[in-house]
Amino acid sequence: MRIRRIVASVIVSSLLWSASAMAQQRHVVDDTALRQAIADQAVTDQQNRDAVIGVLQQSHVRELAGRLGLNVTRAENAVSTLDSVELASLAESARMADVQLAGGANTIVISTTTLLLILIIVILVAS
């Protein structure tokens, strides 16, 4: 009986000691760096949203969406629901389409824009 008490005391003491030692350890990332990373990601996400919405608001895209029977307004609203990874992927396509529109490459723009619209509609249907 006495041995059980000694073993139990040793176990409880070691658990209490390890808990207090763990409480004194520092975090791997400090709060300032974590807040800055979150703020940077928010800025990047907003830039990506602006790029996608900017392409969706162009007249060529609206005309193409109308011919395909797609609702651009619904797609614009869905952009705010995308996560960072989906948003970054669509923004890359949107930026390519925007550059091509500025250069006057109508054939390539239509195929890129169609791809962009199809991706957004697929995401809408999946949600």
C-alpha atoms as a PDB file:
ATOM      1  CA  MET A   1       0.000   0.000   0.000  1.00  0.00           C
ATOM      2  CA  ARG A   2       2.844   2.331   0.871  1.00  0.00           C
ATOM      3  CA  ILE A   3       4.546   1.654  -2.483  1.00  0.00           C
ATOM      4  CA  ARG A   4       1.346   2.583  -4.323  1.00  0.00           C
ATOM      5  CA  ARG A   5       1.226   5.927  -2.526  1.00  0.00           C
ATOM      6  CA  ILE A   6       4.854   6.638  -3.374  1.00  0.00           C
ATOM      7  CA  VAL A   7       4.322   5.712  -7.041  1.00  0.00           C
ATOM      8  CA  ALA A   8       1.142   7.783  -7.209  1.00  0.00           C
ATOM      9  CA  SER A   9       2.943  10.753  -5.597  1.00  0.00           C
ATOM     10  CA  VAL A  10       5.799  10.503  -8.071  1.00  0.00           C
ATOM     11  CA  ILE A  11       3.397  10.329 -11.031  1.00  0.00           C
ATOM     12  CA  VAL A  12       1.302  13.279  -9.830  1.00  0.00           C
ATOM     13  CA  SER A  13       4.434  15.335  -9.108  1.00  0.00           C
ATOM     14  CA  SER A  14       5.905  14.630 -12.530  1.00  0.00           C
ATOM     15  CA  LEU A  15       2.621  15.528 -14.240  1.00  0.00           C
ATOM     16  CA  LEU A  16       2.367  18.806 -12.344  1.00  0.00           C
ATOM     17  CA  TRP A  17       6.012  19.618 -13.038  1.00  0.00           C
ATOM     18  CA  SER A  18       5.687  18.902 -16.772  1.00  0.00           C
ATOM     19  CA  ALA A  19       2.481  20.962 -17.033  1.00  0.00           C
ATOM     20  CA  SER A  20       4.139  23.969 -15.404  1.00  0.00           C
ATOM     21  CA  ALA A  21       7.236  23.548 -17.580  1.00  0.00           C
ATOM     22  CA  MET A  22       5.101  23.439 -20.718  1.00  0.00           C
ATOM     23  CA  ALA A  23       3.220  26.560 -19.642  1.00  0.00           C
ATOM     24  CA  GLN A  24       6.511  28.458 -19.457  1.00  0.00           C
ATOM     25  CA  GLN A  25       7.555  27.567 -23.020  1.00  0.00           C
ATOM     26  CA  ARG A  26       7.291  30.300 -25.635  1.00  0.00           C
ATOM     27  CA  HIS A  27       5.218  30.081 -28.760  1.00  0.00           C
ATOM     28  CA  VAL A  28       6.989  29.291 -32.003  1.00  0.00           C
ATOM     29  CA  VAL A  29       5.519  32.408 -33.661  1.00  0.00           C
ATOM     30  CA  ASP A  30       4.985  35.587 -31.707  1.00  0.00           C
ATOM     31  CA  ASP A  31       1.615  37.339 -31.782  1.00  0.00           C
ATOM     32  CA  THR A  32       2.860  40.292 -33.841  1.00  0.00           C
ATOM     33  CA  ALA A  33       4.152  38.074 -36.641  1.00  0.00           C
ATOM     34  CA  LEU A  34       0.942  36.058 -36.591  1.00  0.00           C
ATOM     35  CA  ARG A  35      -1.217  39.195 -36.803  1.00  0.00           C
ATOM     36  CA  GLN A  36       0.948  40.535 -39.642  1.00  0.00           C
ATOM     37  CA  ALA A  37       0.648  37.256 -41.577  1.00  0.00           C
ATOM     38  CA  ILE A  38      -3.138  37.320 -41.208  1.00  0.00           C
ATOM     39  CA  ALA A  39      -3.274  40.964 -42.316  1.00  0.00           C
ATOM     40  CA  ASP A  40      -1.038  40.225 -45.320  1.00  0.00           C
ATOM     41  CA  GLN A  41      -3.249  37.307 -46.344  1.00  0.00           C
ATOM     42  CA  ALA A  42      -6.348  39.480 -46.038  1.00  0.00           C
ATOM     43  CA  VAL A  43      -4.776  42.106 -48.306  1.00  0.00           C
ATOM     44  CA  THR A  44      -3.770  39.446 -50.851  1.00  0.00           C
ATOM     45  CA  ASP A  45      -7.261  37.932 -50.791  1.00  0.00           C
ATOM     46  CA  GLN A  46      -8.827  41.354 -51.360  1.00  0.00           C
ATOM     47  CA  GLN A  47      -6.502  42.041 -54.298  1.00  0.00           C
ATOM     48  CA  ASN A  48      -7.409  38.657 -55.770  1.00  0.00           C
ATOM     49  CA  ARG A  49     -11.145  39.343 -55.298  1.00  0.00           C
ATOM     50  CA  ASP A  50     -10.747  42.722 -56.988  1.00  0.00           C
ATOM     51  CA  ALA A  51      -8.959  41.096 -59.945  1.00  0.00           C
ATOM     52  CA  VAL A  52     -11.696  38.487 -60.443  1.00  0.00           C
ATOM     53  CA  ILE A  53     -14.556  40.964 -60.029  1.00  0.00           C
ATOM     54  CA  GLY A  54     -12.794  43.427 -62.316  1.00  0.00           C
ATOM     55  CA  VAL A  55     -12.794  40.910 -65.147  1.00  0.00           C
ATOM     56  CA  LEU A  56     -16.371  39.881 -64.441  1.00  0.00           C
ATOM     57  CA  GLN A  57     -17.476  43.513 -64.759  1.00  0.00           C
ATOM     58  CA  GLN A  58     -15.967  44.009 -68.222  1.00  0.00           C
ATOM     59  CA  SER A  59     -18.391  44.349 -71.105  1.00  0.00           C
ATOM     60  CA  HIS A  60     -16.850  41.464 -73.104  1.00  0.00           C
ATOM     61  CA  VAL A  61     -17.363  39.115 -70.180  1.00  0.00           C
ATOM     62  CA  ARG A  62     -20.934  40.268 -69.543  1.00  0.00           C
ATOM     63  CA  GLU A  63     -21.799  39.784 -73.222  1.00  0.00           C
ATOM     64  CA  LEU A  64     -20.251  36.324 -73.264  1.00  0.00           C
ATOM     65  CA  ALA A  65     -22.009  35.359 -70.038  1.00  0.00           C
ATOM     66  CA  GLY A  66     -25.310  36.596 -71.465  1.00  0.00           C
ATOM     67  CA  ARG A  67     -24.840  34.466 -74.593  1.00  0.00           C
ATOM     68  CA  LEU A  68     -24.045  31.445 -72.422  1.00  0.00           C
ATOM     69  CA  GLY A  69     -26.995  32.125 -70.119  1.00  0.00           C
ATOM     70  CA  LEU A  70     -24.809  32.710 -67.054  1.00  0.00           C
ATOM     71  CA  ASN A  71     -25.588  35.151 -64.250  1.00  0.00           C
ATOM     72  CA  VAL A  72     -22.559  37.406 -63.732  1.00  0.00           C
ATOM     73  CA  THR A  73     -24.050  39.061 -60.654  1.00  0.00           C
ATOM     74  CA  ARG A  74     -24.386  35.689 -58.958  1.00  0.00           C
ATOM     75  CA  ALA A  75     -20.779  34.887 -59.870  1.00  0.00           C
ATOM     76  CA  GLU A  76     -19.622  38.242 -58.457  1.00  0.00           C
ATOM     77  CA  ASN A  77     -21.437  37.501 -55.201  1.00  0.00           C
ATOM     78  CA  ALA A  78     -19.877  34.035 -55.051  1.00  0.00           C
ATOM     79  CA  VAL A  79     -16.360  35.458 -55.248  1.00  0.00           C
ATOM     80  CA  SER A  80     -16.602  36.608 -51.625  1.00  0.00           C
ATOM     81  CA  THR A  81     -17.258  33.023 -50.492  1.00  0.00           C
ATOM     82  CA  LEU A  82     -14.111  31.526 -52.027  1.00  0.00           C
ATOM     83  CA  ASP A  83     -11.222  30.455 -49.851  1.00  0.00           C
ATOM     84  CA  SER A  84      -7.700  31.774 -50.419  1.00  0.00           C
ATOM     85  CA  VAL A  85      -6.541  28.883 -52.615  1.00  0.00           C
ATOM     86  CA  GLU A  86      -9.568  28.951 -54.946  1.00  0.00           C
ATOM     87  CA  LEU A  87      -9.402  32.733 -55.073  1.00  0.00           C
ATOM     88  CA  ALA A  88      -5.701  32.779 -55.979  1.00  0.00           C
ATOM     89  CA  SER A  89      -6.289  30.308 -58.808  1.00  0.00           C
ATOM     90  CA  LEU A  90      -9.172  32.310 -60.267  1.00  0.00           C
ATOM     91  CA  ALA A  91      -7.315  35.594 -59.820  1.00  0.00           C
ATOM     92  CA  GLU A  92      -4.409  34.267 -61.860  1.00  0.00           C
ATOM     93  CA  SER A  93      -6.776  33.452 -64.731  1.00  0.00           C
ATOM     94  CA  ALA A  94      -8.537  36.785 -64.299  1.00  0.00           C
ATOM     95  CA  ARG A  95      -5.262  38.699 -64.491  1.00  0.00           C
ATOM     96  CA  MET A  96      -4.279  36.848 -67.667  1.00  0.00           C
ATOM     97  CA  ALA A  97      -7.657  37.638 -69.196  1.00  0.00           C
ATOM     98  CA  ASP A  98      -7.344  41.280 -68.171  1.00  0.00           C
ATOM     99  CA  VAL A  99      -3.900  41.602 -69.759  1.00  0.00           C
ATOM    100  CA  GLN A 100      -5.162  39.988 -72.949  1.00  0.00           C
ATOM    101  CA  LEU A 101      -8.189  42.282 -73.040  1.00  0.00           C
ATOM    102  CA  ALA A 102      -5.934  45.296 -72.687  1.00  0.00           C
ATOM    103  CA  GLY A 103      -3.814  43.983 -75.576  1.00  0.00           C
ATOM    104  CA  GLY A 104      -6.848  43.484 -77.818  1.00  0.00           C
ATOM    105  CA  ALA A 105      -6.521  39.708 -78.210  1.00  0.00           C
ATOM    106  CA  ASN A 106     -10.245  38.952 -78.498  1.00  0.00           C
ATOM    107  CA  THR A 107      -9.962  35.262 -79.407  1.00  0.00           C
ATOM    108  CA  ILE A 108      -7.688  34.350 -76.505  1.00  0.00           C
ATOM    109  CA  VAL A 109      -9.673  36.561 -74.131  1.00  0.00           C
ATOM    110  CA  ILE A 110     -12.889  34.758 -74.915  1.00  0.00           C
ATOM    111  CA  SER A 111     -11.380  31.338 -74.186  1.00  0.00           C
ATOM    112  CA  THR A 112      -9.741  32.530 -70.945  1.00  0.00           C
ATOM    113  CA  THR A 113     -12.879  34.361 -69.892  1.00  0.00           C
ATOM    114  CA  THR A 114     -15.003  31.325 -70.679  1.00  0.00           C
ATOM    115  CA  LEU A 115     -12.703  29.207 -68.523  1.00  0.00           C
ATOM    116  CA  LEU A 116     -12.984  31.740 -65.717  1.00  0.00           C
ATOM    117  CA  LEU A 117     -16.769  31.840 -65.910  1.00  0.00           C
ATOM    118  CA  ILE A 118     -17.040  28.056 -66.040  1.00  0.00           C
ATOM    119  CA  LEU A 119     -14.825  27.730 -62.960  1.00  0.00           C
ATOM    120  CA  ILE A 120     -16.944  30.213 -61.033  1.00  0.00           C
ATOM    121  CA  ILE A 121     -20.195  28.527 -62.067  1.00  0.00           C
ATOM    122  CA  VAL A 122     -18.787  25.115 -61.079  1.00  0.00           C
ATOM    123  CA  ILE A 123     -17.870  26.526 -57.683  1.00  0.00           C
ATOM    124  CA  LEU A 124     -21.348  27.982 -57.338  1.00  0.00           C
ATOM    125  CA  VAL A 125     -22.973  24.672 -58.160  1.00  0.00           C
ATOM    126  CA  ALA A 126     -20.638  22.798 -55.810  1.00  0.00           C
ATOM    127  CA  SER A 127     -21.524  25.105 -52.919  1.00  0.00           C
END
